Amino acid sequence: MTTSRATTEAKTSAAAGCGFREIRGLVTELGRRLDAHQRSRIAELDLTPTQAKALEELGEPKTARELAAVLCCEPPNVTYVISKLEKQGMVVRRPHPADGRAKQLVLTEAGRELRLDLLRRMGTASPLDHLSHDERSALRDELLRALGRIDD
C-alpha cells in the first residue's frame, strides 16, 4: 500500500470514527440535559419520576397492566405508584366498561390539573427551546430514522 493511500484510509477511518463518537457524545449530552430538566420539573411538583410518567400516560384511562407495559415495569410496581397517587386524590380506580374483572385507572379533576401543570412545566425552559417547531420536528424525524422506526 502506498503512503498516500494509507494516509487517505487513515483520514477516512478517523473521520468516520470521530463522527460516530461525536454524535454519540452529543446524543448522550442532550439526553442528560433533557433528563436533568425533567427531574427538576418533576421535583417542583414533589413527584417521583415514576409518578410523573404515570400521570403523563393517564391522559386516557388505562388498566394497571396497560400502564405497566408503558412504564416497562411489573403490575405490582404500578399498584404501589397508583396507590400513592390515589391517596393524594389524583387517581381513582373504576370498573372497566368492557371487562368486569378489570379496573381502569382514571385521573381525578385534581389529577388532570396536576398532569397539565406537569406537561406545561416540562415544556418550559427545555434544552430544546431554542429550536423552532420545524427544527424539533426534523430532529424527531432524524432520531426516528436513526432508530430504524421510519423508512427513508
Protein backbone atom coordinates (compact mmCIF):
# COMPACT_ATOMS: atom_id res chain seq x y z
CA MET A 1 0.00 0.00 0.00
CA THR A 2 1.32 3.42 -0.89
CA THR A 3 1.81 6.14 1.67
CA SER A 4 -0.87 8.37 0.14
CA ARG A 5 -3.42 5.54 0.11
CA ALA A 6 -2.59 4.67 3.74
CA THR A 7 -2.92 8.33 4.70
CA THR A 8 -6.27 8.60 2.91
CA GLU A 9 -7.59 5.44 4.58
CA ALA A 10 -6.39 6.64 7.99
CA LYS A 11 -8.12 10.01 7.49
CA THR A 12 -11.32 8.34 6.30
CA SER A 13 -11.28 5.92 9.22
CA ALA A 14 -10.59 8.69 11.72
CA ALA A 15 -13.33 10.90 10.24
CA ALA A 16 -15.88 8.07 10.36
CA GLY A 17 -14.93 7.12 13.92
CA CYS A 18 -14.80 10.71 15.09
CA GLY A 19 -18.20 11.43 13.55
CA PHE A 20 -19.70 8.44 15.32
CA ARG A 21 -18.10 9.34 18.65
CA GLU A 22 -19.12 12.95 18.29
CA ILE A 23 -22.73 12.03 17.51
CA ARG A 24 -22.80 9.55 20.39
CA GLY A 25 -21.42 12.20 22.71
CA LEU A 26 -23.90 14.83 21.55
CA VAL A 27 -26.87 12.48 21.88
CA THR A 28 -25.68 11.47 25.35
CA GLU A 29 -25.23 15.10 26.41
CA LEU A 30 -28.67 16.05 25.09
CA GLY A 31 -30.18 13.07 26.92
CA ARG A 32 -28.53 14.15 30.15
CA ARG A 33 -29.75 17.72 29.76
CA LEU A 34 -33.30 16.58 28.99
CA ASP A 35 -33.22 14.20 31.96
CA ALA A 36 -31.95 16.91 34.32
CA HIS A 37 -34.63 19.30 33.07
CA GLN A 38 -37.32 16.66 33.53
CA ARG A 39 -36.14 15.74 37.03
CA SER A 40 -36.07 19.37 38.16
CA ARG A 41 -39.60 19.97 36.84
CA ILE A 42 -40.89 16.80 38.48
CA ALA A 43 -39.25 17.73 41.79
CA GLU A 44 -41.03 21.11 41.71
CA LEU A 45 -44.29 19.17 42.00
CA ASP A 46 -42.99 16.82 44.71
CA LEU A 47 -43.45 13.76 42.49
CA THR A 48 -41.22 10.80 41.79
CA PRO A 49 -40.21 10.23 38.16
CA THR A 50 -42.45 7.14 38.03
CA GLN A 51 -45.44 9.05 39.41
CA ALA A 52 -44.87 11.77 36.84
CA LYS A 53 -44.66 9.24 34.00
CA ALA A 54 -47.86 7.58 35.22
CA LEU A 55 -49.64 10.95 35.24
CA GLU A 56 -48.38 11.68 31.72
CA GLU A 57 -49.63 8.32 30.46
CA LEU A 58 -53.04 8.56 32.11
CA GLY A 59 -54.33 11.22 29.74
CA GLU A 60 -56.72 8.41 28.85
CA PRO A 61 -57.84 5.74 31.34
CA LYS A 62 -55.72 2.59 31.41
CA THR A 63 -55.67 -0.66 33.33
CA ALA A 64 -52.74 -1.32 35.66
CA ARG A 65 -51.48 -3.93 33.16
CA GLU A 66 -51.59 -1.40 30.29
CA LEU A 67 -49.83 1.22 32.39
CA ALA A 68 -47.20 -1.31 33.48
CA ALA A 69 -46.47 -2.10 29.82
CA VAL A 70 -46.00 1.58 29.01
CA LEU A 71 -43.82 2.14 32.08
CA CYS A 72 -41.83 -1.06 31.40
CA CYS A 73 -42.41 -2.45 34.88
CA GLU A 74 -44.40 -5.14 36.64
CA PRO A 75 -48.08 -4.56 37.60
CA PRO A 76 -47.29 -4.73 41.36
CA ASN A 77 -44.97 -1.73 40.92
CA VAL A 78 -47.77 0.16 39.19
CA THR A 79 -50.11 -0.74 42.03
CA TYR A 80 -47.69 0.85 44.50
CA VAL A 81 -47.33 4.03 42.42
CA ILE A 82 -51.06 4.32 41.78
CA SER A 83 -51.85 3.74 45.47
CA LYS A 84 -49.70 6.74 46.36
CA LEU A 85 -51.38 8.89 43.69
CA GLU A 86 -54.77 7.63 44.85
CA LYS A 87 -54.01 8.69 48.44
CA GLN A 88 -53.13 12.15 47.10
CA GLY A 89 -56.50 12.32 45.33
CA MET A 90 -55.01 12.25 41.84
CA VAL A 91 -56.28 8.88 40.60
CA VAL A 92 -59.32 6.69 41.15
CA ARG A 93 -59.92 3.06 40.20
CA ARG A 94 -63.14 2.46 38.31
CA PRO A 95 -64.71 -0.67 36.86
CA HIS A 96 -63.57 -1.31 33.30
CA PRO A 97 -66.52 -0.76 30.92
CA ALA A 98 -65.74 -3.87 28.82
CA ASP A 99 -64.11 -6.22 31.36
CA GLY A 100 -65.89 -6.75 34.65
CA ARG A 101 -62.74 -8.28 36.19
CA ALA A 102 -60.51 -5.28 35.48
CA LYS A 103 -60.28 -1.78 36.90
CA GLN A 104 -59.38 1.35 34.99
CA LEU A 105 -57.08 3.99 36.40
CA VAL A 106 -58.68 7.38 35.86
CA LEU A 107 -57.35 10.82 36.74
CA THR A 108 -59.49 12.91 39.07
CA GLU A 109 -60.02 16.60 38.35
CA ALA A 110 -57.03 17.34 40.62
CA GLY A 111 -55.03 14.69 38.75
CA ARG A 112 -55.90 16.24 35.37
CA GLU A 113 -54.85 19.66 36.64
CA LEU A 114 -51.58 18.27 38.01
CA ARG A 115 -50.94 16.45 34.71
CA LEU A 116 -51.47 19.67 32.74
CA ASP A 117 -49.20 21.56 35.13
CA LEU A 118 -46.55 18.85 34.76
CA LEU A 119 -46.75 18.92 30.96
CA ARG A 120 -46.59 22.73 30.96
CA ARG A 121 -43.55 22.74 33.23
CA MET A 122 -41.81 20.06 31.16
CA GLY A 123 -42.21 22.24 28.08
CA THR A 124 -40.85 25.37 29.79
CA ALA A 125 -37.15 26.25 29.60
CA SER A 126 -36.41 22.95 27.89
CA PRO A 127 -32.98 22.27 26.38
CA LEU A 128 -34.82 22.25 23.03
CA ASP A 129 -36.49 25.66 23.44
CA HIS A 130 -34.10 27.39 21.07
CA LEU A 131 -35.26 25.14 18.22
CA SER A 132 -38.26 26.11 16.14
CA HIS A 133 -41.22 23.77 15.79
CA ASP A 134 -39.96 22.73 12.35
CA GLU A 135 -36.45 22.10 13.70
CA ARG A 136 -37.81 19.96 16.55
CA SER A 137 -39.92 18.01 14.05
CA ALA A 138 -36.87 17.48 11.83
CA LEU A 139 -34.78 16.36 14.82
CA ARG A 140 -37.53 13.93 15.84
CA ASP A 141 -37.71 12.51 12.32
CA GLU A 142 -33.94 12.06 12.11
CA LEU A 143 -33.84 10.34 15.51
CA LEU A 144 -36.67 8.02 14.45
CA ARG A 145 -34.80 7.27 11.23
CA ALA A 146 -31.58 6.59 13.15
CA LEU A 147 -33.51 4.21 15.42
CA GLY A 148 -34.96 2.44 12.40
CA ARG A 149 -38.53 3.37 13.26
CA ILE A 150 -39.23 5.14 9.98
CA ASP A 151 -38.02 4.44 6.48
CA ASP A 152 -36.07 6.84 4.32
